[in-house]
Each structure stands twice: as C-alpha cells, then as structure tokens.
C-alpha atoms as a PDB file:
ATOM      1  CA  MET A   1     -22.252  39.193 -28.290  1.00  0.00           C
ATOM      2  CA  THR A   2     -19.228  37.033 -28.921  1.00  0.00           C
ATOM      3  CA  GLU A   3     -16.385  36.729 -26.407  1.00  0.00           C
ATOM      4  CA  GLN A   4     -14.198  39.015 -28.544  1.00  0.00           C
ATOM      5  CA  GLU A   5     -16.957  41.591 -28.915  1.00  0.00           C
ATOM      6  CA  VAL A   6     -17.489  41.773 -25.159  1.00  0.00           C
ATOM      7  CA  PHE A   7     -13.736  41.861 -24.522  1.00  0.00           C
ATOM      8  CA  GLN A   8     -13.300  44.782 -27.000  1.00  0.00           C
ATOM      9  CA  LYS A   9     -16.168  46.690 -25.453  1.00  0.00           C
ATOM     10  CA  LEU A  10     -14.926  45.957 -21.885  1.00  0.00           C
ATOM     11  CA  LEU A  11     -11.263  46.816 -22.619  1.00  0.00           C
ATOM     12  CA  PRO A  12     -11.527  50.631 -22.311  1.00  0.00           C
ATOM     13  CA  HIS A  13     -13.319  50.257 -19.015  1.00  0.00           C
ATOM     14  CA  VAL A  14     -10.642  47.939 -17.585  1.00  0.00           C
ATOM     15  CA  ARG A  15      -8.048  50.425 -18.834  1.00  0.00           C
ATOM     16  CA  GLU A  16      -9.961  53.278 -17.196  1.00  0.00           C
ATOM     17  CA  VAL A  17     -10.021  51.659 -13.773  1.00  0.00           C
ATOM     18  CA  THR A  18      -6.528  50.206 -13.819  1.00  0.00           C
ATOM     19  CA  GLY A  19      -4.577  52.766 -15.880  1.00  0.00           C
ATOM     20  CA  VAL A  20      -2.919  49.901 -17.744  1.00  0.00           C
ATOM     21  CA  PRO A  21      -2.437  50.361 -21.574  1.00  0.00           C
ATOM     22  CA  ALA A  22      -4.824  48.341 -23.668  1.00  0.00           C
ATOM     23  CA  GLU A  23      -2.107  46.290 -25.317  1.00  0.00           C
ATOM     24  CA  GLN A  24      -1.183  44.926 -21.826  1.00  0.00           C
ATOM     25  CA  ILE A  25      -4.717  43.723 -21.001  1.00  0.00           C
ATOM     26  CA  HIS A  26      -5.514  40.167 -21.917  1.00  0.00           C
ATOM     27  CA  MET A  27      -8.230  37.733 -21.223  1.00  0.00           C
ATOM     28  CA  ASP A  28      -6.128  35.920 -18.608  1.00  0.00           C
ATOM     29  CA  SER A  29      -4.871  39.121 -16.925  1.00  0.00           C
ATOM     30  CA  GLY A  30      -5.697  39.091 -13.217  1.00  0.00           C
ATOM     31  CA  LEU A  31      -7.423  42.387 -12.423  1.00  0.00           C
ATOM     32  CA  MET A  32      -5.667  42.806  -9.088  1.00  0.00           C
ATOM     33  CA  ASP A  33      -2.414  40.792  -9.414  1.00  0.00           C
ATOM     34  CA  ASP A  34      -1.558  41.596 -12.982  1.00  0.00           C
ATOM     35  CA  LEU A  35      -3.322  44.904 -13.648  1.00  0.00           C
ATOM     36  CA  GLY A  36      -3.021  46.493 -10.164  1.00  0.00           C
ATOM     37  CA  ALA A  37      -6.722  46.990  -9.504  1.00  0.00           C
ATOM     38  CA  GLU A  38      -7.878  47.449  -5.903  1.00  0.00           C
ATOM     39  CA  SER A  39     -11.156  46.491  -4.359  1.00  0.00           C
ATOM     40  CA  LEU A  40     -12.623  49.912  -5.096  1.00  0.00           C
ATOM     41  CA  ASP A  41     -11.536  49.629  -8.752  1.00  0.00           C
ATOM     42  CA  LEU A  42     -13.548  46.424  -9.035  1.00  0.00           C
ATOM     43  CA  LEU A  43     -16.601  48.211  -7.807  1.00  0.00           C
ATOM     44  CA  ASP A  44     -15.969  51.045 -10.310  1.00  0.00           C
ATOM     45  CA  LEU A  45     -15.632  48.436 -13.045  1.00  0.00           C
ATOM     46  CA  SER A  46     -19.005  46.937 -12.026  1.00  0.00           C
ATOM     47  CA  PHE A  47     -20.654  50.392 -12.445  1.00  0.00           C
ATOM     48  CA  LEU A  48     -19.029  50.855 -15.861  1.00  0.00           C
ATOM     49  CA  ILE A  49     -20.170  47.457 -16.902  1.00  0.00           C
ATOM     50  CA  GLU A  50     -23.730  48.298 -15.909  1.00  0.00           C
ATOM     51  CA  GLU A  51     -23.611  51.484 -17.927  1.00  0.00           C
ATOM     52  CA  ALA A  52     -21.921  49.846 -21.008  1.00  0.00           C
ATOM     53  CA  PHE A  53     -23.777  46.552 -21.166  1.00  0.00           C
ATOM     54  CA  GLY A  54     -26.957  47.140 -19.157  1.00  0.00           C
ATOM     55  CA  VAL A  55     -26.208  44.236 -16.806  1.00  0.00           C
ATOM     56  CA  THR A  56     -25.719  44.355 -13.085  1.00  0.00           C
ATOM     57  CA  ILE A  57     -22.796  42.601 -11.294  1.00  0.00           C
ATOM     58  CA  ALA A  58     -23.165  42.426  -7.501  1.00  0.00           C
ATOM     59  CA  GLY A  59     -20.138  42.718  -5.304  1.00  0.00           C
ATOM     60  CA  ASP A  60     -20.727  39.258  -3.967  1.00  0.00           C
ATOM     61  CA  GLU A  61     -21.833  37.777  -7.324  1.00  0.00           C
ATOM     62  CA  PHE A  62     -19.440  34.748  -7.303  1.00  0.00           C
ATOM     63  CA  GLU A  63     -20.008  34.033  -3.636  1.00  0.00           C
ATOM     64  CA  ARG A  64     -23.775  34.022  -4.159  1.00  0.00           C
ATOM     65  CA  GLN A  65     -23.392  31.584  -7.082  1.00  0.00           C
ATOM     66  CA  ALA A  66     -21.278  29.226  -5.008  1.00  0.00           C
ATOM     67  CA  ARG A  67     -23.574  29.456  -1.935  1.00  0.00           C
ATOM     68  CA  ALA A  68     -26.618  28.772  -4.056  1.00  0.00           C
ATOM     69  CA  ARG A  69     -25.169  25.390  -5.071  1.00  0.00           C
ATOM     70  CA  MET A  70     -24.356  24.444  -1.487  1.00  0.00           C
ATOM     71  CA  PRO A  71     -27.453  25.418   0.580  1.00  0.00           C
ATOM     72  CA  ASP A  72     -26.904  22.803   3.282  1.00  0.00           C
ATOM     73  CA  LEU A  73     -23.092  23.228   3.542  1.00  0.00           C
ATOM     74  CA  VAL A  74     -20.929  25.770   5.276  1.00  0.00           C
ATOM     75  CA  TYR A  75     -19.254  28.323   2.942  1.00  0.00           C
ATOM     76  CA  GLU A  76     -16.737  29.746   5.343  1.00  0.00           C
ATOM     77  CA  ARG A  77     -15.658  29.589   8.976  1.00  0.00           C
ATOM     78  CA  GLU A  78     -14.254  32.700  10.558  1.00  0.00           C
ATOM     79  CA  GLY A  79     -13.515  34.143   7.111  1.00  0.00           C
ATOM     80  CA  ILE A  80     -11.791  31.004   5.746  1.00  0.00           C
ATOM     81  CA  LEU A  81     -13.258  29.044   2.834  1.00  0.00           C
ATOM     82  CA  THR A  82     -14.331  25.518   3.451  1.00  0.00           C
ATOM     83  CA  ASP A  83     -13.385  22.650   1.178  1.00  0.00           C
ATOM     84  CA  GLU A  84     -16.858  22.720  -0.217  1.00  0.00           C
ATOM     85  CA  ALA A  85     -16.778  26.442  -0.886  1.00  0.00           C
ATOM     86  CA  ALA A  86     -13.454  26.174  -2.745  1.00  0.00           C
ATOM     87  CA  LEU A  87     -14.963  23.459  -4.967  1.00  0.00           C
ATOM     88  CA  GLU A  88     -18.118  25.486  -5.728  1.00  0.00           C
ATOM     89  CA  LEU A  89     -16.068  28.668  -6.403  1.00  0.00           C
ATOM     90  CA  ARG A  90     -13.958  26.673  -8.884  1.00  0.00           C
ATOM     91  CA  LYS A  91     -17.206  25.768 -10.686  1.00  0.00           C
ATOM     92  CA  ALA A  92     -18.488  29.399 -10.488  1.00  0.00           C
ATOM     93  CA  LEU A  93     -15.118  30.682 -11.818  1.00  0.00           C
ATOM     94  CA  PRO A  94     -14.008  28.168 -14.532  1.00  0.00           C
ATOM     95  CA  GLU A  95     -11.727  30.825 -16.047  1.00  0.00           C
ATOM     96  CA  VAL A  96      -9.524  30.829 -12.919  1.00  0.00           C
ATOM     97  CA  PRO A  97      -6.881  28.077 -12.744  1.00  0.00           C
ATOM     98  CA  PRO A  98      -8.082  25.646  -9.968  1.00  0.00           C
ATOM     99  CA  HIS A  99      -4.952  25.908  -7.953  1.00  0.00           C
ATOM    100  CA  ARG A 100      -5.750  29.656  -7.338  1.00  0.00           C
ATOM    101  CA  ILE A 101      -8.836  28.724  -5.286  1.00  0.00           C
ATOM    102  CA  GLN A 102      -7.873  26.595  -2.354  1.00  0.00           C
ATOM    103  CA  PRO A 103      -9.683  25.421   0.809  1.00  0.00           C
ATOM    104  CA  GLY A 104      -8.382  27.423   3.713  1.00  0.00           C
ATOM    105  CA  MET A 105      -8.105  30.513   1.485  1.00  0.00           C
ATOM    106  CA  PRO A 106      -9.328  33.677   3.209  1.00  0.00           C
ATOM    107  CA  LYS A 107     -12.787  34.770   1.821  1.00  0.00           C
ATOM    108  CA  LEU A 108     -11.400  38.229   1.350  1.00  0.00           C
ATOM    109  CA  ASP A 109      -8.810  36.987  -1.103  1.00  0.00           C
ATOM    110  CA  VAL A 110     -11.396  35.760  -3.665  1.00  0.00           C
ATOM    111  CA  PRO A 111     -11.323  39.091  -5.617  1.00  0.00           C
ATOM    112  CA  ARG A 112      -7.602  38.544  -6.150  1.00  0.00           C
ATOM    113  CA  VAL A 113      -8.252  35.590  -8.486  1.00  0.00           C
ATOM    114  CA  LEU A 114     -10.626  37.440 -10.793  1.00  0.00           C
ATOM    115  CA  THR A 115      -9.454  37.806 -14.398  1.00  0.00           C
ATOM    116  CA  VAL A 116     -10.688  39.799 -17.336  1.00  0.00           C
ATOM    117  CA  ALA A 117     -12.122  36.528 -18.760  1.00  0.00           C
ATOM    118  CA  VAL A 118     -14.267  36.069 -15.624  1.00  0.00           C
ATOM    119  CA  PHE A 119     -15.961  39.373 -16.348  1.00  0.00           C
ATOM    120  CA  VAL A 120     -16.205  38.797 -20.096  1.00  0.00           C
ATOM    121  CA  HIS A 121     -17.975  35.463 -19.588  1.00  0.00           C
ATOM    122  CA  LEU A 122     -20.191  36.776 -16.807  1.00  0.00           C
ATOM    123  CA  ILE A 123     -21.328  39.652 -19.089  1.00  0.00           C
ATOM    124  CA  GLN A 124     -22.042  37.165 -21.854  1.00  0.00           C
ATOM    125  CA  ARG A 125     -24.136  34.984 -19.451  1.00  0.00           C
ATOM    126  CA  LYS A 126     -26.008  37.964 -18.144  1.00  0.00           C
ATOM    127  CA  LEU A 127     -26.712  39.247 -21.675  1.00  0.00           C
ATOM    128  CA  ALA A 128     -27.977  35.817 -22.707  1.00  0.00           C
ATOM    129  CA  GLU A 129     -30.268  35.661 -19.631  1.00  0.00           C
ATOM    130  CA  ALA A 130     -31.590  39.102 -20.368  1.00  0.00           C
ATOM    131  CA  ALA A 131     -32.355  38.101 -23.984  1.00  0.00           C
ATOM    132  CA  ARG A 132     -34.569  35.209 -22.882  1.00  0.00           C
END
C-alpha cells in the first residue's frame, strides 16, 4: 500500500480515538500533543490497526527497535534516556524531528513524540514484511 492509501485507511481510526475531525489530521500531527490522544488512546489505536491492517504494533515497538541496535549499551538510567538511546530512537523514528528526541528525556515521554506519519510508515513496513 502506498503512504496515501495507508493514511486514508488509518484516518478514521485516528479520528475515532482522538475525536478530532478528519480535516484536522495530517501526517505530521502529533497524536498526543496535536490531537489530544492519551496513552490509552494509543493502545486503542494499536488494536484498531491490527483489525484494519492485520499487523501487530507492540506498546514498546519503538523502544525494542532502538534497544535491538544497541545490545551492549545502556538504554536508560532511572527512567531517563541515555545519549545512545536518543540517537537510536531518532533512527527508529525518522518521521519525528530530531530535536524532539533528546538525551536526558524521560522514557515515559517517548509516546508524546509519535506522529500519524510514524504509524503510517510502521504499517507500511509491517505490511511489506508480511508480504515477503
């Protein structure tokens, strides 16, 4: 599926969990900061994505991706991201402006940086993996 096809299919689900009108939802919209989603809403969105697209998105999906690329390094200390973790999260989340993911950032703040584009591209990657 193309980026636009995934976005169009995802749009009603984002609207459902956020209550935001479709015309106000864009690829660069932050799910929490711009659209008002809460942590539980992101979990609901993951379930809706699984039903709509047949792909599973784990709650710690992006953390696992970052940790996998840094097996011998420390990801966080006392809930705070290390320099290495911030660098790897930037790679795992290329749709997020780099300045939004900083060393010293609380690990619990990572969901705040997620955008609609992050989910669109993750769905595309998972669909491509499933097709192989």
